[in-house]
Amino acid sequence: MKIAITGATGFIGTKLVEKLAKDNQIIILTRNVDKAKSVFSPAIYSNLEFINYTPKQEGIWQNKIDGCDAVINLAGAPIAERWSDSYKQEILDSRQLGTRIIVDAIAKSNQKPQVLINASAIGFYGTSETETYTEISPAGEDFLAQVCQAWEGEANKVTEIGIRLVILRFGIVLGNGGALAKMIPPFKIFAGGPIGGGKQWFSWIHRDDVVEMIIQSLKDNNIHGTFNATAPYPVTMNKLCETLGSILKRPSWLPVPSFALELLLGDGAKVVLEGQKVLPQKTTELMNYNFLYPNLESALKQIITTEF
């Protein structure tokens, strides 16, 4: 297949490209070609094409969509930063406008892709300590919920031109990097513990499962619609830290107070301090996806023993 990918140098994208590059022609749409080539050496990855693009602006890069079999849109400004008003606008624009430009490029193509796989997030549902969310649950009302609605709204326009669409609402992705990379160092110096109250839900997924879910969505023409990319057994923050401490043979005893995270991330702290319990109901029943790592302990053991 010929596949165009945005967000290829990100936490999920790097693993995805490594897997797909073995048997496919990959077009990497990137804001920084030099950085992308440092991540994916052309000497090793001979079937990659690096194209400079600006996510929120039209350009000649859009012509590269023409003739592709699939487009995977993973681009978006990082969430785990301090949310100033200007950065909140960047979080929104990088997703809403970035996806709009991708869909526009697909619409203008003579030989259109067969499928668009578009990222979203479980922030769509808002936050709660008591509710359980599935793919049919309504959207929340907070900032991230509004971002996800706008993001998905742009992606959904591709169905109007007959393109198969798969939207994956990512939970907190675990692997070598991301959230775990920030949590493990305190544990190693015996200073680990839950963040905030500890009762908030942590709906997670192993990065390998995200990659396999995307690949299955590429290959199976019967898969379309919106799916939760979360493991079937979410846990509380307390349980996460207890399990992590047990595997690292370290105690989980020193909580990170909410105010400390709020000082660091501002409104962005809400992502960690107020979780949501999300289940992958459609993912297991309609996509028929079989998780490589359905429970947290097996996921953390694999990551810590092989990746860190």
C-alpha atoms as a PDB file:
ATOM      1  CA  MET A   1       0.000   0.000   0.000  1.00  0.00           C
ATOM      2  CA  LYS A   2       0.955   3.626  -0.453  1.00  0.00           C
ATOM      3  CA  ILE A   3       0.226   5.424   2.819  1.00  0.00           C
ATOM      4  CA  ALA A   4       0.553   9.103   3.783  1.00  0.00           C
ATOM      5  CA  ILE A   5       1.100   9.739   7.498  1.00  0.00           C
ATOM      6  CA  THR A   6       1.068  12.917   9.580  1.00  0.00           C
ATOM      7  CA  GLY A   7       2.496  12.861  13.096  1.00  0.00           C
ATOM      8  CA  ALA A   8       4.944  10.161  11.992  1.00  0.00           C
ATOM      9  CA  THR A   9       7.732  11.293  14.336  1.00  0.00           C
ATOM     10  CA  GLY A  10       5.473  11.304  17.389  1.00  0.00           C
ATOM     11  CA  PHE A  11       5.117   8.725  20.147  1.00  0.00           C
ATOM     12  CA  ILE A  12       2.665   6.555  18.202  1.00  0.00           C
ATOM     13  CA  GLY A  13       3.838   7.461  14.712  1.00  0.00           C
ATOM     14  CA  THR A  14       7.410   6.243  15.143  1.00  0.00           C
ATOM     15  CA  LYS A  15       6.308   2.721  16.086  1.00  0.00           C
ATOM     16  CA  LEU A  16       3.671   2.702  13.368  1.00  0.00           C
ATOM     17  CA  VAL A  17       6.112   3.674  10.619  1.00  0.00           C
ATOM     18  CA  GLU A  18       8.623   1.066  11.796  1.00  0.00           C
ATOM     19  CA  LYS A  19       5.940  -1.592  11.388  1.00  0.00           C
ATOM     20  CA  LEU A  20       4.380  -0.370   8.151  1.00  0.00           C
ATOM     21  CA  ALA A  21       7.632   0.441   6.353  1.00  0.00           C
ATOM     22  CA  LYS A  22       8.483  -3.243   5.980  1.00  0.00           C
ATOM     23  CA  ASP A  23       5.804  -3.878   3.368  1.00  0.00           C
ATOM     24  CA  ASN A  24       4.460  -0.496   2.261  1.00  0.00           C
ATOM     25  CA  GLN A  25       5.458   2.743   0.590  1.00  0.00           C
ATOM     26  CA  ILE A  26       5.216   5.509   3.185  1.00  0.00           C
ATOM     27  CA  ILE A  27       4.912   9.245   2.591  1.00  0.00           C
ATOM     28  CA  ILE A  28       5.835  11.119   5.755  1.00  0.00           C
ATOM     29  CA  LEU A  29       4.239  14.560   5.909  1.00  0.00           C
ATOM     30  CA  THR A  30       6.375  16.486   8.367  1.00  0.00           C
ATOM     31  CA  ARG A  31       7.098  20.044   9.452  1.00  0.00           C
ATOM     32  CA  ASN A  32      10.783  19.171   9.833  1.00  0.00           C
ATOM     33  CA  VAL A  33      12.263  16.887   7.176  1.00  0.00           C
ATOM     34  CA  ASP A  34      15.700  16.848   8.816  1.00  0.00           C
ATOM     35  CA  LYS A  35      14.225  15.699  12.122  1.00  0.00           C
ATOM     36  CA  ALA A  36      12.173  13.024  10.382  1.00  0.00           C
ATOM     37  CA  LYS A  37      15.251  11.733   8.568  1.00  0.00           C
ATOM     38  CA  SER A  38      17.120  11.578  11.877  1.00  0.00           C
ATOM     39  CA  VAL A  39      14.324   9.412  13.277  1.00  0.00           C
ATOM     40  CA  PHE A  40      13.982   7.260  10.152  1.00  0.00           C
ATOM     41  CA  SER A  41      17.381   7.015   8.490  1.00  0.00           C
ATOM     42  CA  PRO A  42      16.986   6.793   4.686  1.00  0.00           C
ATOM     43  CA  ALA A  43      19.853   4.287   4.737  1.00  0.00           C
ATOM     44  CA  ILE A  44      17.630   1.908   6.717  1.00  0.00           C
ATOM     45  CA  TYR A  45      14.186   2.931   5.474  1.00  0.00           C
ATOM     46  CA  SER A  46      14.560   3.012   1.706  1.00  0.00           C
ATOM     47  CA  ASN A  47      10.828   3.131   0.932  1.00  0.00           C
ATOM     48  CA  LEU A  48      10.040   6.354   2.813  1.00  0.00           C
ATOM     49  CA  GLU A  49       9.414   9.685   1.131  1.00  0.00           C
ATOM     50  CA  PHE A  50       9.778  12.810   3.274  1.00  0.00           C
ATOM     51  CA  ILE A  51       7.559  15.757   2.366  1.00  0.00           C
ATOM     52  CA  ASN A  52       7.646  19.134   4.106  1.00  0.00           C
ATOM     53  CA  TYR A  53       4.167  20.317   5.049  1.00  0.00           C
ATOM     54  CA  THR A  54       2.483  22.934   7.190  1.00  0.00           C
ATOM     55  CA  PRO A  55      -0.446  21.327   9.020  1.00  0.00           C
ATOM     56  CA  LYS A  56      -2.672  24.389   8.955  1.00  0.00           C
ATOM     57  CA  GLN A  57      -1.878  25.673   5.451  1.00  0.00           C
ATOM     58  CA  GLU A  58      -2.533  24.477   1.946  1.00  0.00           C
ATOM     59  CA  GLY A  59       0.528  23.658  -0.135  1.00  0.00           C
ATOM     60  CA  ILE A  60       2.057  21.478  -2.818  1.00  0.00           C
ATOM     61  CA  TRP A  61       2.291  18.719  -0.203  1.00  0.00           C
ATOM     62  CA  GLN A  62      -1.423  18.145  -0.747  1.00  0.00           C
ATOM     63  CA  ASN A  63      -0.642  16.735  -4.198  1.00  0.00           C
ATOM     64  CA  LYS A  64       1.119  13.830  -2.498  1.00  0.00           C
ATOM     65  CA  ILE A  65      -2.230  12.602  -1.175  1.00  0.00           C
ATOM     66  CA  ASP A  66      -3.287  11.918  -4.759  1.00  0.00           C
ATOM     67  CA  GLY A  67      -2.620   8.265  -5.517  1.00  0.00           C
ATOM     68  CA  CYS A  68      -2.301   7.116  -1.919  1.00  0.00           C
ATOM     69  CA  ASP A  69      -4.284   4.096  -0.778  1.00  0.00           C
ATOM     70  CA  ALA A  70      -4.666   5.435   2.758  1.00  0.00           C
ATOM     71  CA  VAL A  71      -4.056   8.493   4.933  1.00  0.00           C
ATOM     72  CA  ILE A  72      -3.290   8.260   8.652  1.00  0.00           C
ATOM     73  CA  ASN A  73      -3.678  11.587  10.459  1.00  0.00           C
ATOM     74  CA  LEU A  74      -2.002  11.576  13.882  1.00  0.00           C
ATOM     75  CA  ALA A  75      -0.850  15.211  14.028  1.00  0.00           C
ATOM     76  CA  GLY A  76      -1.742  17.530  16.908  1.00  0.00           C
ATOM     77  CA  ALA A  77      -0.012  19.808  19.403  1.00  0.00           C
ATOM     78  CA  PRO A  78       1.002  17.970  22.614  1.00  0.00           C
ATOM     79  CA  ILE A  79      -1.579  18.070  25.405  1.00  0.00           C
ATOM     80  CA  ALA A  80       0.861  17.675  28.312  1.00  0.00           C
ATOM     81  CA  GLU A  81       2.024  21.300  28.254  1.00  0.00           C
ATOM     82  CA  ARG A  82       1.001  24.370  30.206  1.00  0.00           C
ATOM     83  CA  TRP A  83      -2.269  25.625  28.780  1.00  0.00           C
ATOM     84  CA  SER A  84      -2.053  29.341  28.182  1.00  0.00           C
ATOM     85  CA  ASP A  85      -4.887  30.853  26.162  1.00  0.00           C
ATOM     86  CA  SER A  86      -2.654  30.908  23.094  1.00  0.00           C
ATOM     87  CA  TYR A  87      -1.605  27.293  23.580  1.00  0.00           C
ATOM     88  CA  LYS A  88      -5.208  26.172  23.968  1.00  0.00           C
ATOM     89  CA  GLN A  89      -5.855  27.771  20.598  1.00  0.00           C
ATOM     90  CA  GLU A  90      -2.896  25.834  19.176  1.00  0.00           C
ATOM     91  CA  ILE A  91      -4.270  22.572  20.610  1.00  0.00           C
ATOM     92  CA  LEU A  92      -7.552  23.251  18.810  1.00  0.00           C
ATOM     93  CA  ASP A  93      -6.179  24.628  15.540  1.00  0.00           C
ATOM     94  CA  SER A  94      -3.563  21.910  15.070  1.00  0.00           C
ATOM     95  CA  ARG A  95      -6.346  19.334  15.159  1.00  0.00           C
ATOM     96  CA  GLN A  96      -9.356  21.066  13.642  1.00  0.00           C
ATOM     97  CA  LEU A  97      -7.606  23.049  10.905  1.00  0.00           C
ATOM     98  CA  GLY A  98      -4.990  20.349  10.364  1.00  0.00           C
ATOM     99  CA  THR A  99      -7.665  17.728   9.727  1.00  0.00           C
ATOM    100  CA  ARG A 100      -9.664  20.119   7.547  1.00  0.00           C
ATOM    101  CA  ILE A 101      -6.638  20.567   5.258  1.00  0.00           C
ATOM    102  CA  ILE A 102      -6.107  16.801   5.043  1.00  0.00           C
ATOM    103  CA  VAL A 103      -9.751  16.181   4.131  1.00  0.00           C
ATOM    104  CA  ASP A 104      -9.572  18.978   1.560  1.00  0.00           C
ATOM    105  CA  ALA A 105      -6.513  17.354  -0.024  1.00  0.00           C
ATOM    106  CA  ILE A 106      -8.344  14.023  -0.203  1.00  0.00           C
ATOM    107  CA  ALA A 107     -11.359  15.692  -1.818  1.00  0.00           C
ATOM    108  CA  LYS A 108      -9.183  17.350  -4.482  1.00  0.00           C
ATOM    109  CA  SER A 109      -7.325  14.150  -5.363  1.00  0.00           C
ATOM    110  CA  ASN A 110      -7.992  12.500  -8.711  1.00  0.00           C
ATOM    111  CA  GLN A 111      -7.089   9.062  -7.367  1.00  0.00           C
ATOM    112  CA  LYS A 112      -8.504   9.280  -3.873  1.00  0.00           C
ATOM    113  CA  PRO A 113      -7.382   7.221  -0.875  1.00  0.00           C
ATOM    114  CA  GLN A 114      -9.710   4.435   0.154  1.00  0.00           C
ATOM    115  CA  VAL A 115      -9.545   5.201   3.867  1.00  0.00           C
ATOM    116  CA  LEU A 116      -8.729   7.969   6.339  1.00  0.00           C
ATOM    117  CA  ILE A 117      -7.685   6.867   9.808  1.00  0.00           C
ATOM    118  CA  ASN A 118      -7.932   9.871  12.097  1.00  0.00           C
ATOM    119  CA  ALA A 119      -6.816  10.275  15.683  1.00  0.00           C
ATOM    120  CA  SER A 120      -9.086  11.584  18.411  1.00  0.00           C
ATOM    121  CA  ALA A 121      -9.031  11.157  22.185  1.00  0.00           C
ATOM    122  CA  ILE A 122     -11.148   9.918  25.070  1.00  0.00           C
ATOM    123  CA  GLY A 123     -11.220  13.531  26.200  1.00  0.00           C
ATOM    124  CA  PHE A 124     -14.301  13.557  23.957  1.00  0.00           C
ATOM    125  CA  TYR A 125     -16.346  12.280  26.916  1.00  0.00           C
ATOM    126  CA  GLY A 126     -15.248  14.790  29.529  1.00  0.00           C
ATOM    127  CA  THR A 127     -14.174  13.593  32.986  1.00  0.00           C
ATOM    128  CA  SER A 128     -15.882  11.690  35.793  1.00  0.00           C
ATOM    129  CA  GLU A 129     -15.024   9.430  38.729  1.00  0.00           C
ATOM    130  CA  THR A 130     -18.376   7.630  38.560  1.00  0.00           C
ATOM    131  CA  GLU A 131     -19.502   7.373  34.926  1.00  0.00           C
ATOM    132  CA  THR A 132     -18.484   4.633  32.481  1.00  0.00           C
ATOM    133  CA  TYR A 133     -18.143   5.674  28.847  1.00  0.00           C
ATOM    134  CA  THR A 134     -18.427   3.674  25.620  1.00  0.00           C
ATOM    135  CA  GLU A 135     -18.431   4.801  22.008  1.00  0.00           C
ATOM    136  CA  ILE A 136     -22.149   5.633  22.177  1.00  0.00           C
ATOM    137  CA  SER A 137     -21.774   7.943  25.186  1.00  0.00           C
ATOM    138  CA  PRO A 138     -22.440  11.649  24.534  1.00  0.00           C
ATOM    139  CA  ALA A 139     -19.704  14.238  24.337  1.00  0.00           C
ATOM    140  CA  GLY A 140     -18.618  16.185  27.390  1.00  0.00           C
ATOM    141  CA  GLU A 141     -18.617  19.960  27.726  1.00  0.00           C
ATOM    142  CA  ASP A 142     -15.091  20.879  28.838  1.00  0.00           C
ATOM    143  CA  PHE A 143     -12.312  22.245  26.643  1.00  0.00           C
ATOM    144  CA  LEU A 144     -10.888  18.911  25.490  1.00  0.00           C
ATOM    145  CA  ALA A 145     -14.351  17.567  24.746  1.00  0.00           C
ATOM    146  CA  GLN A 146     -14.978  20.586  22.530  1.00  0.00           C
ATOM    147  CA  VAL A 147     -11.620  20.069  20.809  1.00  0.00           C
ATOM    148  CA  CYS A 148     -12.399  16.416  20.107  1.00  0.00           C
ATOM    149  CA  GLN A 149     -15.840  17.258  18.735  1.00  0.00           C
ATOM    150  CA  ALA A 150     -14.348  19.841  16.371  1.00  0.00           C
ATOM    151  CA  TRP A 151     -11.556  17.438  15.402  1.00  0.00           C
ATOM    152  CA  GLU A 152     -13.918  14.573  14.635  1.00  0.00           C
ATOM    153  CA  GLY A 153     -16.335  16.919  12.899  1.00  0.00           C
ATOM    154  CA  GLU A 154     -13.694  17.799  10.313  1.00  0.00           C
ATOM    155  CA  ALA A 155     -12.744  14.147   9.801  1.00  0.00           C
ATOM    156  CA  ASN A 156     -16.370  13.111   9.326  1.00  0.00           C
ATOM    157  CA  LYS A 157     -16.642  15.345   6.251  1.00  0.00           C
ATOM    158  CA  VAL A 158     -14.562  12.813   4.320  1.00  0.00           C
ATOM    159  CA  THR A 159     -17.494  10.386   4.361  1.00  0.00           C
ATOM    160  CA  GLU A 160     -19.445  12.855   2.212  1.00  0.00           C
ATOM    161  CA  ILE A 161     -17.136  11.993  -0.694  1.00  0.00           C
ATOM    162  CA  GLY A 162     -17.410   8.267  -0.136  1.00  0.00           C
ATOM    163  CA  ILE A 163     -14.166   7.671   1.762  1.00  0.00           C
ATOM    164  CA  ARG A 164     -14.087   5.051   4.515  1.00  0.00           C
ATOM    165  CA  LEU A 165     -13.347   6.726   7.848  1.00  0.00           C
ATOM    166  CA  VAL A 166     -11.999   5.223  11.049  1.00  0.00           C
ATOM    167  CA  ILE A 167     -11.699   7.492  14.103  1.00  0.00           C
ATOM    168  CA  LEU A 168      -9.700   6.121  17.025  1.00  0.00           C
ATOM    169  CA  ARG A 169     -10.227   7.824  20.385  1.00  0.00           C
ATOM    170  CA  PHE A 170      -6.911   7.246  22.109  1.00  0.00           C
ATOM    171  CA  GLY A 171      -6.627   6.674  25.819  1.00  0.00           C
ATOM    172  CA  ILE A 172      -3.344   7.283  27.652  1.00  0.00           C
ATOM    173  CA  VAL A 173      -0.789   5.437  25.553  1.00  0.00           C
ATOM    174  CA  LEU A 174       1.859   3.478  27.451  1.00  0.00           C
ATOM    175  CA  GLY A 175       5.302   2.718  26.051  1.00  0.00           C
ATOM    176  CA  ASN A 176       8.907   3.910  26.197  1.00  0.00           C
ATOM    177  CA  GLY A 177       8.132   7.605  26.409  1.00  0.00           C
ATOM    178  CA  GLY A 178       4.890   9.467  26.994  1.00  0.00           C
ATOM    179  CA  ALA A 179       3.299   9.331  30.435  1.00  0.00           C
ATOM    180  CA  LEU A 180       5.435   6.451  31.741  1.00  0.00           C
ATOM    181  CA  ALA A 181       8.692   8.243  30.991  1.00  0.00           C
ATOM    182  CA  LYS A 182       7.630  10.952  33.443  1.00  0.00           C
ATOM    183  CA  MET A 183       6.344   8.556  36.109  1.00  0.00           C
ATOM    184  CA  ILE A 184       9.153   6.000  36.324  1.00  0.00           C
ATOM    185  CA  PRO A 185      12.110   8.222  37.420  1.00  0.00           C
ATOM    186  CA  PRO A 186      10.512   9.235  40.778  1.00  0.00           C
ATOM    187  CA  PHE A 187       9.760   5.577  41.524  1.00  0.00           C
ATOM    188  CA  LYS A 188      13.350   4.600  40.852  1.00  0.00           C
ATOM    189  CA  ILE A 189      14.547   7.001  43.562  1.00  0.00           C
ATOM    190  CA  PHE A 190      11.862   5.796  46.016  1.00  0.00           C
ATOM    191  CA  ALA A 191       9.774   8.948  45.563  1.00  0.00           C
ATOM    192  CA  GLY A 192       6.902   7.567  43.500  1.00  0.00           C
ATOM    193  CA  GLY A 193       3.223   7.804  44.248  1.00  0.00           C
ATOM    194  CA  PRO A 194      -0.208   8.619  42.847  1.00  0.00           C
ATOM    195  CA  ILE A 195      -0.936  11.950  41.218  1.00  0.00           C
ATOM    196  CA  GLY A 196      -3.704  13.961  42.846  1.00  0.00           C
ATOM    197  CA  GLY A 197      -6.376  12.144  44.844  1.00  0.00           C
ATOM    198  CA  GLY A 198      -5.615   8.751  43.307  1.00  0.00           C
ATOM    199  CA  LYS A 199      -9.265   7.812  42.777  1.00  0.00           C
ATOM    200  CA  GLN A 200      -9.436   9.216  39.251  1.00  0.00           C
ATOM    201  CA  TRP A 201      -9.728   6.694  36.428  1.00  0.00           C
ATOM    202  CA  PHE A 202      -6.812   5.955  34.136  1.00  0.00           C
ATOM    203  CA  SER A 203      -7.964   4.570  30.790  1.00  0.00           C
ATOM    204  CA  TRP A 204      -4.790   3.315  29.178  1.00  0.00           C
ATOM    205  CA  ILE A 205      -3.593   1.311  26.165  1.00  0.00           C
ATOM    206  CA  HIS A 206      -0.257  -0.253  25.224  1.00  0.00           C
ATOM    207  CA  ARG A 207       1.381   1.466  22.267  1.00  0.00           C
ATOM    208  CA  ASP A 208       1.704  -1.879  20.440  1.00  0.00           C
ATOM    209  CA  ASP A 209      -2.073  -2.282  20.622  1.00  0.00           C
ATOM    210  CA  VAL A 210      -2.589   1.177  19.128  1.00  0.00           C
ATOM    211  CA  VAL A 211      -0.298   0.286  16.233  1.00  0.00           C
ATOM    212  CA  GLU A 212      -2.011  -3.054  15.623  1.00  0.00           C
ATOM    213  CA  MET A 213      -5.431  -1.403  15.809  1.00  0.00           C
ATOM    214  CA  ILE A 214      -4.412   1.091  13.118  1.00  0.00           C
ATOM    215  CA  ILE A 215      -3.019  -1.668  10.901  1.00  0.00           C
ATOM    216  CA  GLN A 216      -6.181  -3.747  11.289  1.00  0.00           C
ATOM    217  CA  SER A 217      -8.228  -0.675  10.347  1.00  0.00           C
ATOM    218  CA  LEU A 218      -6.088  -0.254   7.233  1.00  0.00           C
ATOM    219  CA  LYS A 219      -6.550  -3.820   6.071  1.00  0.00           C
ATOM    220  CA  ASP A 220     -10.200  -4.510   6.894  1.00  0.00           C
ATOM    221  CA  ASN A 221     -12.592  -2.629   4.626  1.00  0.00           C
ATOM    222  CA  ASN A 222     -15.487  -3.518   6.911  1.00  0.00           C
ATOM    223  CA  ILE A 223     -14.120  -1.372   9.737  1.00  0.00           C
ATOM    224  CA  HIS A 224     -15.560   2.131   9.789  1.00  0.00           C
ATOM    225  CA  GLY A 225     -16.793   4.575  12.392  1.00  0.00           C
ATOM    226  CA  THR A 226     -15.513   5.599  15.810  1.00  0.00           C
ATOM    227  CA  PHE A 227     -13.714   3.285  18.233  1.00  0.00           C
ATOM    228  CA  ASN A 228     -12.193   3.679  21.685  1.00  0.00           C
ATOM    229  CA  ALA A 229      -8.492   2.844  21.592  1.00  0.00           C
ATOM    230  CA  THR A 230      -8.325   1.865  25.253  1.00  0.00           C
ATOM    231  CA  ALA A 231      -7.594  -1.428  26.995  1.00  0.00           C
ATOM    232  CA  PRO A 232     -10.632  -3.344  28.302  1.00  0.00           C
ATOM    233  CA  TYR A 233      -9.574  -3.007  31.951  1.00  0.00           C
ATOM    234  CA  PRO A 234      -9.048   0.620  33.028  1.00  0.00           C
ATOM    235  CA  VAL A 235      -7.673   1.244  36.521  1.00  0.00           C
ATOM    236  CA  THR A 236      -7.585   4.040  39.074  1.00  0.00           C
ATOM    237  CA  MET A 237      -4.493   6.185  39.502  1.00  0.00           C
ATOM    238  CA  ASN A 238      -3.862   4.454  42.852  1.00  0.00           C
ATOM    239  CA  LYS A 239      -3.929   1.033  41.180  1.00  0.00           C
ATOM    240  CA  LEU A 240      -1.660   2.208  38.375  1.00  0.00           C
ATOM    241  CA  CYS A 241       0.963   3.428  40.823  1.00  0.00           C
ATOM    242  CA  GLU A 242       0.681   0.339  43.033  1.00  0.00           C
ATOM    243  CA  THR A 243       1.230  -1.896  40.001  1.00  0.00           C
ATOM    244  CA  LEU A 244       4.085   0.215  38.683  1.00  0.00           C
ATOM    245  CA  GLY A 245       5.765   0.237  42.098  1.00  0.00           C
ATOM    246  CA  SER A 246       5.376  -3.526  42.441  1.00  0.00           C
ATOM    247  CA  ILE A 247       7.026  -4.198  39.079  1.00  0.00           C
ATOM    248  CA  LEU A 248       9.854  -1.751  39.830  1.00  0.00           C
ATOM    249  CA  LYS A 249      10.134  -3.144  43.381  1.00  0.00           C
ATOM    250  CA  ARG A 250       9.591   0.318  44.783  1.00  0.00           C
ATOM    251  CA  PRO A 251       6.908   1.679  47.125  1.00  0.00           C
ATOM    252  CA  SER A 252       4.075   3.890  45.935  1.00  0.00           C
ATOM    253  CA  TRP A 253       3.939   6.153  48.935  1.00  0.00           C
ATOM    254  CA  LEU A 254       4.587   9.796  47.989  1.00  0.00           C
ATOM    255  CA  PRO A 255       1.550  11.400  46.337  1.00  0.00           C
ATOM    256  CA  VAL A 256       2.023  14.296  43.950  1.00  0.00           C
ATOM    257  CA  PRO A 257      -0.344  17.010  45.246  1.00  0.00           C
ATOM    258  CA  SER A 258      -2.835  18.484  42.828  1.00  0.00           C
ATOM    259  CA  PHE A 259      -1.582  22.038  43.296  1.00  0.00           C
ATOM    260  CA  ALA A 260       1.923  21.056  42.168  1.00  0.00           C
ATOM    261  CA  LEU A 261       0.616  19.750  38.862  1.00  0.00           C
ATOM    262  CA  GLU A 262      -1.631  22.785  38.464  1.00  0.00           C
ATOM    263  CA  LEU A 263       1.383  25.064  38.917  1.00  0.00           C
ATOM    264  CA  LEU A 264       3.210  23.124  36.214  1.00  0.00           C
ATOM    265  CA  LEU A 265       0.430  22.613  33.674  1.00  0.00           C
ATOM    266  CA  GLY A 266      -2.281  25.132  34.557  1.00  0.00           C
ATOM    267  CA  ASP A 267      -5.638  24.036  33.145  1.00  0.00           C
ATOM    268  CA  GLY A 268      -3.805  21.157  31.462  1.00  0.00           C
ATOM    269  CA  ALA A 269      -3.508  19.434  34.842  1.00  0.00           C
ATOM    270  CA  LYS A 270      -7.166  18.464  34.530  1.00  0.00           C
ATOM    271  CA  VAL A 271      -6.210  15.743  32.042  1.00  0.00           C
ATOM    272  CA  VAL A 272      -4.347  13.892  34.804  1.00  0.00           C
ATOM    273  CA  LEU A 273      -6.275  14.973  37.896  1.00  0.00           C
ATOM    274  CA  GLU A 274      -9.740  14.201  36.512  1.00  0.00           C
ATOM    275  CA  GLY A 275      -9.841  10.964  34.553  1.00  0.00           C
ATOM    276  CA  GLN A 276     -12.562   8.943  32.897  1.00  0.00           C
ATOM    277  CA  LYS A 277     -13.456   5.245  32.798  1.00  0.00           C
ATOM    278  CA  VAL A 278     -13.657   4.308  29.129  1.00  0.00           C
ATOM    279  CA  LEU A 279     -14.429   0.862  27.718  1.00  0.00           C
ATOM    280  CA  PRO A 280     -13.667  -0.297  24.138  1.00  0.00           C
ATOM    281  CA  GLN A 281     -17.087  -1.809  23.519  1.00  0.00           C
ATOM    282  CA  LYS A 282     -17.243  -1.317  19.734  1.00  0.00           C
ATOM    283  CA  THR A 283     -13.551  -2.110  19.426  1.00  0.00           C
ATOM    284  CA  THR A 284     -14.028  -5.598  20.811  1.00  0.00           C
ATOM    285  CA  GLU A 285     -17.524  -6.307  19.452  1.00  0.00           C
ATOM    286  CA  LEU A 286     -17.491  -4.714  15.974  1.00  0.00           C
ATOM    287  CA  MET A 287     -13.809  -4.357  15.117  1.00  0.00           C
ATOM    288  CA  ASN A 288     -13.198  -7.747  16.764  1.00  0.00           C
ATOM    289  CA  TYR A 289      -9.835  -6.529  17.958  1.00  0.00           C
ATOM    290  CA  ASN A 290      -7.935  -8.930  20.234  1.00  0.00           C
ATOM    291  CA  PHE A 291      -5.743  -6.992  22.640  1.00  0.00           C
ATOM    292  CA  LEU A 292      -2.095  -7.960  22.974  1.00  0.00           C
ATOM    293  CA  TYR A 293      -2.070  -6.427  26.463  1.00  0.00           C
ATOM    294  CA  PRO A 294      -5.585  -6.377  27.938  1.00  0.00           C
ATOM    295  CA  ASN A 295      -4.473  -5.897  31.558  1.00  0.00           C
ATOM    296  CA  LEU A 296      -2.172  -3.329  33.095  1.00  0.00           C
ATOM    297  CA  GLU A 297       0.301  -5.666  34.775  1.00  0.00           C
ATOM    298  CA  SER A 298       1.183  -7.524  31.579  1.00  0.00           C
ATOM    299  CA  ALA A 299       1.521  -4.236  29.699  1.00  0.00           C
ATOM    300  CA  LEU A 300       3.796  -2.611  32.282  1.00  0.00           C
ATOM    301  CA  LYS A 301       5.967  -5.707  32.647  1.00  0.00           C
ATOM    302  CA  GLN A 302       6.544  -5.859  28.897  1.00  0.00           C
ATOM    303  CA  ILE A 303       7.332  -2.166  28.619  1.00  0.00           C
ATOM    304  CA  ILE A 304       9.662  -1.983  31.616  1.00  0.00           C
ATOM    305  CA  THR A 305      11.588  -5.175  30.824  1.00  0.00           C
ATOM    306  CA  THR A 306      12.038  -4.544  27.097  1.00  0.00           C
ATOM    307  CA  GLU A 307      11.791  -0.809  26.445  1.00  0.00           C
ATOM    308  CA  PHE A 308      13.156   1.067  29.472  1.00  0.00           C
END
